[in-house]
Amino acid sequence: MTDGEHTGDGPRGRTLVAGRRTVVWTATTGPGAPEPLHETDRVLLEAPNWSHDGGSLLLNGDGLLWRLDVREGAEPTVVELRGVPPINNDHVLSPDGATVYVSGADGHLYAAPADGGDGVRLTEDDTVHHYLHGVSPDGTTLAHVLIPRGVPGAPGRLALMPAAGGPSRVLDTGEGHIDGPEYSPDGSWILFNTEAFTEAPGHAQLARVPALGGPAERLLASDTVDWFPHVSPDGRYATYLSFPSGTLGHPADLDVTVRLVGTDDWAAPVRSHALFGGQGTLNVNSWAPDSERFAFVSYPLTGR
């Protein structure tokens, strides 16, 4: 996780500083501008997951998990995850929506009831940090990133593990750092961003690899630094986040663009939504179950 202007150094992660606010947005695949769902200058909320009943979003903030109903005037409420350390912005829901899988500040993965309750640690290896991003459509496997502890600059590797807990198995994706691994809706592919296709430092591009292993395929070639591909439940659309050319990592506090594309042509955006954000804007899959809406977050200056 790359820290930015409104980053805290404590175990609860990033916090808002004076003059900035969180704005949670929803957008559709059709025409029209995104609409603000919730604004606050108290909590830096990140990375919305859309609930499987379509009625709410799950976000992290101040190391906690929050639920925000998708209705006008709703306020977020804390989802209590007992026995789970502060979490970051890598969290996903099980296919049935009953379980939330989260990445803890201790570098381990946890599972807990999505409505709150006792959490269970799933990972055992203390030599690596685990960053969660995807769960297979059948609910049996978690896709995550492994980064060695105490090795500055070590690249992230794509790994799979049983959703019930157990050892991780690394998939070969070529040279270079990867992040954001997420299953396609049919379970046949894992999509991610990778630095394997370019020589420019940090120039992440979107790719996919067969879920059973095989060579990585580039999804598009662009001049921007592209992160976090998320496919809609019906497989027709995808979103991803574009950073300016030359960006290293996925930092906070930049002018970035949320792009909507059809999965039949990743190089031709259907919609592009420019905003001030980056880290926390679109880290996890935020599609609604109807495949017609998605959510993201910005962090503008107050009054902007």
C-alpha atoms as a PDB file:
ATOM      1  CA  MET A   1       0.000   0.000   0.000  1.00  0.00           C
ATOM      2  CA  THR A   2       1.462   3.347  -1.068  1.00  0.00           C
ATOM      3  CA  ASP A   3       0.814   6.195   1.324  1.00  0.00           C
ATOM      4  CA  GLY A   4      -0.224   9.689   0.305  1.00  0.00           C
ATOM      5  CA  GLU A   5      -1.041  13.075   1.767  1.00  0.00           C
ATOM      6  CA  HIS A   6      -3.870  11.923   4.022  1.00  0.00           C
ATOM      7  CA  THR A   7      -2.118   8.821   5.311  1.00  0.00           C
ATOM      8  CA  GLY A   8      -1.781   7.938   8.956  1.00  0.00           C
ATOM      9  CA  ASP A   9       1.173   5.962  10.266  1.00  0.00           C
ATOM     10  CA  GLY A  10      -0.795   3.995  12.837  1.00  0.00           C
ATOM     11  CA  PRO A  11      -2.160   0.473  12.549  1.00  0.00           C
ATOM     12  CA  ARG A  12      -5.554   1.786  11.405  1.00  0.00           C
ATOM     13  CA  GLY A  13      -4.025   3.088   8.169  1.00  0.00           C
ATOM     14  CA  ARG A  14      -4.973   6.184   6.237  1.00  0.00           C
ATOM     15  CA  THR A  15      -6.918   9.018   7.792  1.00  0.00           C
ATOM     16  CA  LEU A  16      -8.398  12.212   6.398  1.00  0.00           C
ATOM     17  CA  VAL A  17      -6.550  15.431   7.026  1.00  0.00           C
ATOM     18  CA  ALA A  18      -8.039  18.909   7.247  1.00  0.00           C
ATOM     19  CA  GLY A  19      -9.430  20.116   3.946  1.00  0.00           C
ATOM     20  CA  ARG A  20     -10.199  16.724   2.434  1.00  0.00           C
ATOM     21  CA  ARG A  21     -13.339  14.625   2.459  1.00  0.00           C
ATOM     22  CA  THR A  22     -14.549  11.206   1.342  1.00  0.00           C
ATOM     23  CA  VAL A  23     -17.176  11.015  -1.403  1.00  0.00           C
ATOM     24  CA  VAL A  24     -18.713   7.629  -2.228  1.00  0.00           C
ATOM     25  CA  TRP A  25     -20.120   7.529  -5.764  1.00  0.00           C
ATOM     26  CA  THR A  26     -22.341   5.214  -7.773  1.00  0.00           C
ATOM     27  CA  ALA A  27     -22.387   5.101 -11.560  1.00  0.00           C
ATOM     28  CA  THR A  28     -24.242   3.125 -14.207  1.00  0.00           C
ATOM     29  CA  THR A  29     -23.272   1.479 -17.466  1.00  0.00           C
ATOM     30  CA  GLY A  30     -25.671   3.821 -19.249  1.00  0.00           C
ATOM     31  CA  PRO A  31     -25.438   7.551 -19.950  1.00  0.00           C
ATOM     32  CA  GLY A  32     -25.385  10.092 -17.160  1.00  0.00           C
ATOM     33  CA  ALA A  33     -22.920  11.343 -14.598  1.00  0.00           C
ATOM     34  CA  PRO A  34     -22.017   9.428 -11.414  1.00  0.00           C
ATOM     35  CA  GLU A  35     -24.086  10.351  -8.371  1.00  0.00           C
ATOM     36  CA  PRO A  36     -22.706  11.004  -4.863  1.00  0.00           C
ATOM     37  CA  LEU A  37     -24.124   8.553  -2.338  1.00  0.00           C
ATOM     38  CA  HIS A  38     -22.345   9.698   0.833  1.00  0.00           C
ATOM     39  CA  GLU A  39     -19.908  12.441   1.866  1.00  0.00           C
ATOM     40  CA  THR A  40     -17.945  12.794   5.091  1.00  0.00           C
ATOM     41  CA  ASP A  41     -14.963  14.708   6.452  1.00  0.00           C
ATOM     42  CA  ARG A  42     -14.668  12.370   9.466  1.00  0.00           C
ATOM     43  CA  VAL A  43     -13.673   8.955   8.083  1.00  0.00           C
ATOM     44  CA  LEU A  44     -11.532   8.052   5.082  1.00  0.00           C
ATOM     45  CA  LEU A  45     -13.662   5.298   3.564  1.00  0.00           C
ATOM     46  CA  GLU A  46     -12.164   3.069   0.872  1.00  0.00           C
ATOM     47  CA  ALA A  47     -12.782   0.298  -1.629  1.00  0.00           C
ATOM     48  CA  PRO A  48     -16.522  -0.412  -1.843  1.00  0.00           C
ATOM     49  CA  ASN A  49     -17.848  -3.951  -2.276  1.00  0.00           C
ATOM     50  CA  TRP A  50     -21.494  -4.087  -3.357  1.00  0.00           C
ATOM     51  CA  SER A  51     -23.582  -6.490  -1.239  1.00  0.00           C
ATOM     52  CA  HIS A  52     -25.125  -9.461  -2.992  1.00  0.00           C
ATOM     53  CA  ASP A  53     -28.670  -8.293  -2.248  1.00  0.00           C
ATOM     54  CA  GLY A  54     -27.919  -4.962  -3.950  1.00  0.00           C
ATOM     55  CA  GLY A  55     -28.890  -2.949  -0.890  1.00  0.00           C
ATOM     56  CA  SER A  56     -25.606  -1.786   0.575  1.00  0.00           C
ATOM     57  CA  LEU A  57     -21.881  -1.236   0.189  1.00  0.00           C
ATOM     58  CA  LEU A  58     -19.101  -2.545   2.415  1.00  0.00           C
ATOM     59  CA  LEU A  59     -16.115  -0.223   2.829  1.00  0.00           C
ATOM     60  CA  ASN A  60     -13.120  -0.021   5.137  1.00  0.00           C
ATOM     61  CA  GLY A  61     -12.110   3.029   7.151  1.00  0.00           C
ATOM     62  CA  ASP A  62     -10.027   3.629  10.280  1.00  0.00           C
ATOM     63  CA  GLY A  63      -9.152  -0.073  10.243  1.00  0.00           C
ATOM     64  CA  LEU A  64     -12.827  -1.064  10.521  1.00  0.00           C
ATOM     65  CA  LEU A  65     -15.422  -2.500   8.151  1.00  0.00           C
ATOM     66  CA  TRP A  66     -18.433  -0.273   7.468  1.00  0.00           C
ATOM     67  CA  ARG A  67     -21.820  -0.922   5.844  1.00  0.00           C
ATOM     68  CA  LEU A  68     -23.497   1.875   3.886  1.00  0.00           C
ATOM     69  CA  ASP A  69     -27.064   1.378   2.659  1.00  0.00           C
ATOM     70  CA  VAL A  70     -27.637   2.412  -0.945  1.00  0.00           C
ATOM     71  CA  ARG A  71     -30.421   4.855  -0.153  1.00  0.00           C
ATOM     72  CA  GLU A  72     -30.559   8.612   0.127  1.00  0.00           C
ATOM     73  CA  GLY A  73     -29.408   9.982   3.463  1.00  0.00           C
ATOM     74  CA  ALA A  74     -28.028   6.693   4.818  1.00  0.00           C
ATOM     75  CA  GLU A  75     -25.099   6.816   7.234  1.00  0.00           C
ATOM     76  CA  PRO A  76     -22.434   4.103   7.455  1.00  0.00           C
ATOM     77  CA  THR A  77     -22.436   1.754  10.443  1.00  0.00           C
ATOM     78  CA  VAL A  78     -19.583  -0.387  11.748  1.00  0.00           C
ATOM     79  CA  VAL A  79     -19.656  -4.133  11.074  1.00  0.00           C
ATOM     80  CA  GLU A  80     -18.051  -5.729  14.121  1.00  0.00           C
ATOM     81  CA  LEU A  81     -15.395  -8.304  13.222  1.00  0.00           C
ATOM     82  CA  ARG A  82     -14.384  -9.876  16.513  1.00  0.00           C
ATOM     83  CA  GLY A  83     -10.871 -11.277  16.710  1.00  0.00           C
ATOM     84  CA  VAL A  84      -9.774  -9.521  13.515  1.00  0.00           C
ATOM     85  CA  PRO A  85      -6.994  -6.886  13.594  1.00  0.00           C
ATOM     86  CA  PRO A  86      -7.428  -3.543  11.791  1.00  0.00           C
ATOM     87  CA  ILE A  87      -8.087  -4.181   8.112  1.00  0.00           C
ATOM     88  CA  ASN A  88      -6.929  -2.470   4.930  1.00  0.00           C
ATOM     89  CA  ASN A  89      -8.681  -1.899   1.603  1.00  0.00           C
ATOM     90  CA  ASP A  90      -8.327  -5.482   0.345  1.00  0.00           C
ATOM     91  CA  HIS A  91     -11.633  -7.186   1.170  1.00  0.00           C
ATOM     92  CA  VAL A  92     -14.044  -9.354  -0.837  1.00  0.00           C
ATOM     93  CA  LEU A  93     -17.349 -11.150  -0.339  1.00  0.00           C
ATOM     94  CA  SER A  94     -18.017 -14.851  -0.802  1.00  0.00           C
ATOM     95  CA  PRO A  95     -20.222 -15.779  -3.783  1.00  0.00           C
ATOM     96  CA  ASP A  96     -23.243 -16.205  -1.497  1.00  0.00           C
ATOM     97  CA  GLY A  97     -22.570 -12.896   0.257  1.00  0.00           C
ATOM     98  CA  ALA A  98     -22.507 -14.502   3.698  1.00  0.00           C
ATOM     99  CA  THR A  99     -18.767 -14.234   4.377  1.00  0.00           C
ATOM    100  CA  VAL A 100     -16.355 -11.336   4.098  1.00  0.00           C
ATOM    101  CA  TYR A 101     -12.688 -12.084   3.546  1.00  0.00           C
ATOM    102  CA  VAL A 102     -10.304  -9.328   4.660  1.00  0.00           C
ATOM    103  CA  SER A 103      -6.592  -8.496   4.751  1.00  0.00           C
ATOM    104  CA  GLY A 104      -5.405  -7.600   8.233  1.00  0.00           C
ATOM    105  CA  ALA A 105      -2.772  -5.042   9.177  1.00  0.00           C
ATOM    106  CA  ASP A 106      -0.706  -7.978  10.437  1.00  0.00           C
ATOM    107  CA  GLY A 107      -0.292  -9.254   6.869  1.00  0.00           C
ATOM    108  CA  HIS A 108      -2.674 -12.201   7.267  1.00  0.00           C
ATOM    109  CA  LEU A 109      -6.058 -13.054   5.755  1.00  0.00           C
ATOM    110  CA  TYR A 110      -9.235 -13.506   7.796  1.00  0.00           C
ATOM    111  CA  ALA A 111     -12.807 -14.656   7.227  1.00  0.00           C
ATOM    112  CA  ALA A 112     -15.852 -13.444   9.188  1.00  0.00           C
ATOM    113  CA  PRO A 113     -19.642 -13.273   8.772  1.00  0.00           C
ATOM    114  CA  ALA A 114     -20.506 -10.373   6.460  1.00  0.00           C
ATOM    115  CA  ASP A 115     -23.071  -9.111   8.979  1.00  0.00           C
ATOM    116  CA  GLY A 116     -20.499  -9.195  11.777  1.00  0.00           C
ATOM    117  CA  GLY A 117     -19.263 -11.816  14.179  1.00  0.00           C
ATOM    118  CA  ASP A 118     -16.208 -13.863  15.074  1.00  0.00           C
ATOM    119  CA  GLY A 119     -13.364 -13.873  12.568  1.00  0.00           C
ATOM    120  CA  VAL A 120     -10.972 -16.709  11.762  1.00  0.00           C
ATOM    121  CA  ARG A 121      -7.378 -16.335  10.561  1.00  0.00           C
ATOM    122  CA  LEU A 122      -6.817 -18.261   7.325  1.00  0.00           C
ATOM    123  CA  THR A 123      -3.073 -17.855   6.654  1.00  0.00           C
ATOM    124  CA  GLU A 124      -0.097 -19.207   8.581  1.00  0.00           C
ATOM    125  CA  ASP A 125       3.080 -18.094   6.797  1.00  0.00           C
ATOM    126  CA  ASP A 126       4.664 -15.206   8.716  1.00  0.00           C
ATOM    127  CA  THR A 127       7.446 -14.690   6.164  1.00  0.00           C
ATOM    128  CA  VAL A 128       5.130 -12.950   3.660  1.00  0.00           C
ATOM    129  CA  HIS A 129       2.401 -10.323   3.606  1.00  0.00           C
ATOM    130  CA  HIS A 130      -0.898 -11.526   2.157  1.00  0.00           C
ATOM    131  CA  TYR A 131      -3.119  -9.079   0.225  1.00  0.00           C
ATOM    132  CA  LEU A 132      -6.528 -10.437  -0.754  1.00  0.00           C
ATOM    133  CA  HIS A 133      -8.364  -9.539  -3.962  1.00  0.00           C
ATOM    134  CA  GLY A 134     -10.490 -12.360  -5.339  1.00  0.00           C
ATOM    135  CA  VAL A 135     -12.589 -15.412  -4.540  1.00  0.00           C
ATOM    136  CA  SER A 136     -13.468 -18.090  -7.101  1.00  0.00           C
ATOM    137  CA  PRO A 137     -17.106 -18.279  -8.273  1.00  0.00           C
ATOM    138  CA  ASP A 138     -17.522 -21.634  -6.520  1.00  0.00           C
ATOM    139  CA  GLY A 139     -16.288 -20.097  -3.260  1.00  0.00           C
ATOM    140  CA  THR A 140     -13.451 -22.581  -2.725  1.00  0.00           C
ATOM    141  CA  THR A 141     -10.347 -20.553  -3.596  1.00  0.00           C
ATOM    142  CA  LEU A 142      -8.912 -17.142  -2.713  1.00  0.00           C
ATOM    143  CA  ALA A 143      -6.667 -15.195  -5.101  1.00  0.00           C
ATOM    144  CA  HIS A 144      -4.175 -12.947  -3.337  1.00  0.00           C
ATOM    145  CA  VAL A 145      -0.772 -11.301  -3.562  1.00  0.00           C
ATOM    146  CA  LEU A 146       2.286 -12.485  -1.645  1.00  0.00           C
ATOM    147  CA  ILE A 147       5.078 -10.020  -0.820  1.00  0.00           C
ATOM    148  CA  PRO A 148       8.092 -11.137   1.271  1.00  0.00           C
ATOM    149  CA  ARG A 149       8.425  -9.385   4.600  1.00  0.00           C
ATOM    150  CA  GLY A 150      11.584  -7.358   5.167  1.00  0.00           C
ATOM    151  CA  VAL A 151      12.593  -7.284   1.485  1.00  0.00           C
ATOM    152  CA  PRO A 152      12.187  -3.698   0.219  1.00  0.00           C
ATOM    153  CA  GLY A 153      11.096  -3.524  -3.403  1.00  0.00           C
ATOM    154  CA  ALA A 154      10.246  -7.229  -3.676  1.00  0.00           C
ATOM    155  CA  PRO A 155       7.587  -7.796  -6.348  1.00  0.00           C
ATOM    156  CA  GLY A 156       4.162  -9.154  -5.513  1.00  0.00           C
ATOM    157  CA  ARG A 157       3.350 -12.669  -6.712  1.00  0.00           C
ATOM    158  CA  LEU A 158      -0.026 -14.151  -7.616  1.00  0.00           C
ATOM    159  CA  ALA A 159      -1.054 -16.934  -5.227  1.00  0.00           C
ATOM    160  CA  LEU A 160      -4.078 -19.154  -4.666  1.00  0.00           C
ATOM    161  CA  MET A 161      -5.196 -20.804  -1.418  1.00  0.00           C
ATOM    162  CA  PRO A 162      -8.222 -22.690  -0.072  1.00  0.00           C
ATOM    163  CA  ALA A 163     -10.945 -20.335   1.153  1.00  0.00           C
ATOM    164  CA  ALA A 164     -11.162 -22.431   4.314  1.00  0.00           C
ATOM    165  CA  GLY A 165      -7.471 -21.807   5.046  1.00  0.00           C
ATOM    166  CA  GLY A 166      -4.230 -23.536   4.152  1.00  0.00           C
ATOM    167  CA  PRO A 167      -1.000 -23.046   2.228  1.00  0.00           C
ATOM    168  CA  SER A 168      -0.673 -20.755  -0.791  1.00  0.00           C
ATOM    169  CA  ARG A 169       0.307 -21.912  -4.274  1.00  0.00           C
ATOM    170  CA  VAL A 170       2.069 -19.392  -6.543  1.00  0.00           C
ATOM    171  CA  LEU A 171       1.072 -19.047 -10.202  1.00  0.00           C
ATOM    172  CA  ASP A 172       3.701 -17.912 -12.689  1.00  0.00           C
ATOM    173  CA  THR A 173       2.785 -14.554 -14.237  1.00  0.00           C
ATOM    174  CA  GLY A 174       6.201 -13.605 -15.588  1.00  0.00           C
ATOM    175  CA  GLU A 175       8.582 -10.931 -14.363  1.00  0.00           C
ATOM    176  CA  GLY A 176       7.481  -7.819 -12.534  1.00  0.00           C
ATOM    177  CA  HIS A 177       5.151  -6.847  -9.719  1.00  0.00           C
ATOM    178  CA  ILE A 178       1.489  -7.880  -9.910  1.00  0.00           C
ATOM    179  CA  ASP A 179      -1.570  -6.784  -7.932  1.00  0.00           C
ATOM    180  CA  GLY A 180      -5.349  -7.003  -7.870  1.00  0.00           C
ATOM    181  CA  PRO A 181      -5.857 -10.661  -8.887  1.00  0.00           C
ATOM    182  CA  GLU A 182      -9.553 -11.371  -9.380  1.00  0.00           C
ATOM    183  CA  TYR A 183     -11.490 -14.231 -10.971  1.00  0.00           C
ATOM    184  CA  SER A 184     -13.605 -13.818 -14.071  1.00  0.00           C
ATOM    185  CA  PRO A 185     -17.298 -14.588 -13.412  1.00  0.00           C
ATOM    186  CA  ASP A 186     -17.016 -18.001 -15.094  1.00  0.00           C
ATOM    187  CA  GLY A 187     -13.923 -18.894 -13.062  1.00  0.00           C
ATOM    188  CA  SER A 188     -11.734 -19.633 -16.075  1.00  0.00           C
ATOM    189  CA  TRP A 189      -9.433 -16.610 -15.799  1.00  0.00           C
ATOM    190  CA  ILE A 190      -7.702 -14.524 -13.156  1.00  0.00           C
ATOM    191  CA  LEU A 191      -7.357 -10.850 -14.084  1.00  0.00           C
ATOM    192  CA  PHE A 192      -4.711  -8.581 -12.555  1.00  0.00           C
ATOM    193  CA  ASN A 193      -2.348  -5.703 -13.251  1.00  0.00           C
ATOM    194  CA  THR A 194       1.291  -6.400 -13.953  1.00  0.00           C
ATOM    195  CA  GLU A 195       4.547  -4.682 -14.805  1.00  0.00           C
ATOM    196  CA  ALA A 196       5.678  -7.654 -16.917  1.00  0.00           C
ATOM    197  CA  PHE A 197       4.837  -6.152 -20.319  1.00  0.00           C
ATOM    198  CA  THR A 198       6.778  -2.876 -20.215  1.00  0.00           C
ATOM    199  CA  GLU A 199      10.280  -1.712 -19.352  1.00  0.00           C
ATOM    200  CA  ALA A 200       9.173   1.614 -17.833  1.00  0.00           C
ATOM    201  CA  PRO A 201       9.433   1.458 -14.028  1.00  0.00           C
ATOM    202  CA  GLY A 202       6.053   0.855 -12.423  1.00  0.00           C
ATOM    203  CA  HIS A 203       4.132   0.950 -15.706  1.00  0.00           C
ATOM    204  CA  ALA A 204       1.352  -1.455 -14.723  1.00  0.00           C
ATOM    205  CA  GLN A 205      -0.889  -2.842 -17.458  1.00  0.00           C
ATOM    206  CA  LEU A 206      -3.931  -5.121 -17.351  1.00  0.00           C
ATOM    207  CA  ALA A 207      -3.607  -8.843 -18.024  1.00  0.00           C
ATOM    208  CA  ARG A 208      -5.162 -12.219 -17.355  1.00  0.00           C
ATOM    209  CA  VAL A 209      -3.899 -15.744 -16.794  1.00  0.00           C
ATOM    210  CA  PRO A 210      -5.799 -19.065 -16.963  1.00  0.00           C
ATOM    211  CA  ALA A 211      -7.034 -19.956 -13.496  1.00  0.00           C
ATOM    212  CA  LEU A 212      -5.406 -23.377 -13.828  1.00  0.00           C
ATOM    213  CA  GLY A 213      -2.103 -21.829 -14.871  1.00  0.00           C
ATOM    214  CA  GLY A 214      -0.620 -20.812 -18.198  1.00  0.00           C
ATOM    215  CA  PRO A 215       0.902 -17.832 -19.980  1.00  0.00           C
ATOM    216  CA  ALA A 216      -0.326 -14.345 -19.137  1.00  0.00           C
ATOM    217  CA  GLU A 217      -2.231 -12.404 -21.796  1.00  0.00           C
ATOM    218  CA  ARG A 218      -2.201  -8.613 -22.011  1.00  0.00           C
ATOM    219  CA  LEU A 219      -5.714  -7.122 -22.136  1.00  0.00           C
ATOM    220  CA  LEU A 220      -4.738  -3.731 -23.590  1.00  0.00           C
ATOM    221  CA  ALA A 221      -1.723  -1.523 -24.186  1.00  0.00           C
ATOM    222  CA  SER A 222      -1.973   2.052 -22.905  1.00  0.00           C
ATOM    223  CA  ASP A 223       0.148   5.059 -22.039  1.00  0.00           C
ATOM    224  CA  THR A 224      -1.479   5.270 -18.605  1.00  0.00           C
ATOM    225  CA  VAL A 225      -0.651   3.195 -15.519  1.00  0.00           C
ATOM    226  CA  ASP A 226      -3.633   0.841 -15.157  1.00  0.00           C
ATOM    227  CA  TRP A 227      -4.694  -1.013 -11.997  1.00  0.00           C
ATOM    228  CA  PHE A 228      -7.428  -3.219 -10.552  1.00  0.00           C
ATOM    229  CA  PRO A 229      -9.535  -4.754 -13.345  1.00  0.00           C
ATOM    230  CA  HIS A 230     -13.024  -5.703 -12.121  1.00  0.00           C
ATOM    231  CA  VAL A 231     -15.463  -7.632 -14.337  1.00  0.00           C
ATOM    232  CA  SER A 232     -19.234  -7.268 -13.912  1.00  0.00           C
ATOM    233  CA  PRO A 233     -21.168 -10.343 -12.720  1.00  0.00           C
ATOM    234  CA  ASP A 234     -22.638 -10.911 -16.194  1.00  0.00           C
ATOM    235  CA  GLY A 235     -19.186 -10.684 -17.797  1.00  0.00           C
ATOM    236  CA  ARG A 236     -20.154  -7.907 -20.233  1.00  0.00           C
ATOM    237  CA  TYR A 237     -18.360  -4.963 -18.652  1.00  0.00           C
ATOM    238  CA  ALA A 238     -15.294  -4.173 -16.587  1.00  0.00           C
ATOM    239  CA  THR A 239     -13.932  -1.227 -14.647  1.00  0.00           C
ATOM    240  CA  TYR A 240     -10.348  -0.301 -13.881  1.00  0.00           C
ATOM    241  CA  LEU A 241      -8.375   2.662 -12.546  1.00  0.00           C
ATOM    242  CA  SER A 242      -5.956   4.687 -14.693  1.00  0.00           C
ATOM    243  CA  PHE A 243      -3.115   6.657 -13.118  1.00  0.00           C
ATOM    244  CA  PRO A 244      -1.018   9.227 -15.018  1.00  0.00           C
ATOM    245  CA  SER A 245       1.908   7.924 -17.044  1.00  0.00           C
ATOM    246  CA  GLY A 246       5.007   7.589 -14.889  1.00  0.00           C
ATOM    247  CA  THR A 247       3.122   6.854 -11.666  1.00  0.00           C
ATOM    248  CA  LEU A 248       4.889   4.364  -9.404  1.00  0.00           C
ATOM    249  CA  GLY A 249       2.568   2.036  -7.539  1.00  0.00           C
ATOM    250  CA  HIS A 250      -1.016   3.095  -6.800  1.00  0.00           C
ATOM    251  CA  PRO A 251      -0.588   6.171  -4.605  1.00  0.00           C
ATOM    252  CA  ALA A 252      -3.199   8.446  -3.085  1.00  0.00           C
ATOM    253  CA  ASP A 253      -4.024  12.023  -4.021  1.00  0.00           C
ATOM    254  CA  LEU A 254      -3.732  12.143  -7.783  1.00  0.00           C
ATOM    255  CA  ASP A 255      -5.986  13.045 -10.673  1.00  0.00           C
ATOM    256  CA  VAL A 256      -7.048   9.595 -11.851  1.00  0.00           C
ATOM    257  CA  THR A 257      -9.736   8.116 -14.074  1.00  0.00           C
ATOM    258  CA  VAL A 258     -12.214   5.304 -13.460  1.00  0.00           C
ATOM    259  CA  ARG A 259     -12.766   3.628 -16.821  1.00  0.00           C
ATOM    260  CA  LEU A 260     -15.729   1.498 -17.882  1.00  0.00           C
ATOM    261  CA  VAL A 261     -15.115  -0.851 -20.820  1.00  0.00           C
ATOM    262  CA  GLY A 262     -16.820  -3.700 -22.581  1.00  0.00           C
ATOM    263  CA  THR A 263     -14.940  -6.952 -22.065  1.00  0.00           C
ATOM    264  CA  ASP A 264     -15.024  -7.531 -25.829  1.00  0.00           C
ATOM    265  CA  ASP A 265     -12.778  -4.454 -26.317  1.00  0.00           C
ATOM    266  CA  TRP A 266     -10.759  -3.272 -23.326  1.00  0.00           C
ATOM    267  CA  ALA A 267      -9.079  -0.562 -25.405  1.00  0.00           C
ATOM    268  CA  ALA A 268     -12.296   1.372 -26.094  1.00  0.00           C
ATOM    269  CA  PRO A 269     -13.715   2.982 -22.912  1.00  0.00           C
ATOM    270  CA  VAL A 270     -17.501   3.182 -22.779  1.00  0.00           C
ATOM    271  CA  ARG A 271     -17.343   5.822 -20.034  1.00  0.00           C
ATOM    272  CA  SER A 272     -14.488   7.627 -18.261  1.00  0.00           C
ATOM    273  CA  HIS A 273     -14.926   9.330 -14.882  1.00  0.00           C
ATOM    274  CA  ALA A 274     -12.123  11.698 -13.859  1.00  0.00           C
ATOM    275  CA  LEU A 275     -11.667  12.369 -10.138  1.00  0.00           C
ATOM    276  CA  PHE A 276      -9.156  13.108  -7.387  1.00  0.00           C
ATOM    277  CA  GLY A 277      -8.236   9.874  -5.660  1.00  0.00           C
ATOM    278  CA  GLY A 278      -6.132   6.800  -6.375  1.00  0.00           C
ATOM    279  CA  GLN A 279      -5.429   4.586  -3.387  1.00  0.00           C
ATOM    280  CA  GLY A 280      -8.810   3.524  -2.007  1.00  0.00           C
ATOM    281  CA  THR A 281     -10.834   4.555  -5.058  1.00  0.00           C
ATOM    282  CA  LEU A 282     -11.362   1.179  -6.754  1.00  0.00           C
ATOM    283  CA  ASN A 283      -9.158  -1.444  -5.083  1.00  0.00           C
ATOM    284  CA  VAL A 284     -11.773  -4.220  -5.038  1.00  0.00           C
ATOM    285  CA  ASN A 285     -14.723  -5.340  -7.143  1.00  0.00           C
ATOM    286  CA  SER A 286     -17.536  -2.833  -6.624  1.00  0.00           C
ATOM    287  CA  TRP A 287     -20.116  -4.088  -9.127  1.00  0.00           C
ATOM    288  CA  ALA A 288     -23.759  -4.372  -8.137  1.00  0.00           C
ATOM    289  CA  PRO A 289     -25.346  -7.809  -8.647  1.00  0.00           C
ATOM    290  CA  ASP A 290     -27.459  -6.435 -11.523  1.00  0.00           C
ATOM    291  CA  SER A 291     -24.266  -5.595 -13.504  1.00  0.00           C
ATOM    292  CA  GLU A 292     -25.729  -2.167 -14.242  1.00  0.00           C
ATOM    293  CA  ARG A 293     -24.129  -0.167 -11.401  1.00  0.00           C
ATOM    294  CA  PHE A 294     -20.727   0.149  -9.779  1.00  0.00           C
ATOM    295  CA  ALA A 295     -19.253   2.253  -6.970  1.00  0.00           C
ATOM    296  CA  PHE A 296     -16.014   4.118  -6.312  1.00  0.00           C
ATOM    297  CA  VAL A 297     -14.575   6.745  -3.957  1.00  0.00           C
ATOM    298  CA  SER A 298     -12.918  10.140  -4.383  1.00  0.00           C
ATOM    299  CA  TYR A 299     -11.111  12.392  -1.900  1.00  0.00           C
ATOM    300  CA  PRO A 300     -11.535  16.006  -3.050  1.00  0.00           C
ATOM    301  CA  LEU A 301     -10.686  19.188  -1.248  1.00  0.00           C
ATOM    302  CA  THR A 302     -13.600  20.576   0.761  1.00  0.00           C
ATOM    303  CA  GLY A 303     -15.571  22.947  -1.442  1.00  0.00           C
ATOM    304  CA  ARG A 304     -14.311  21.385  -4.648  1.00  0.00           C
END
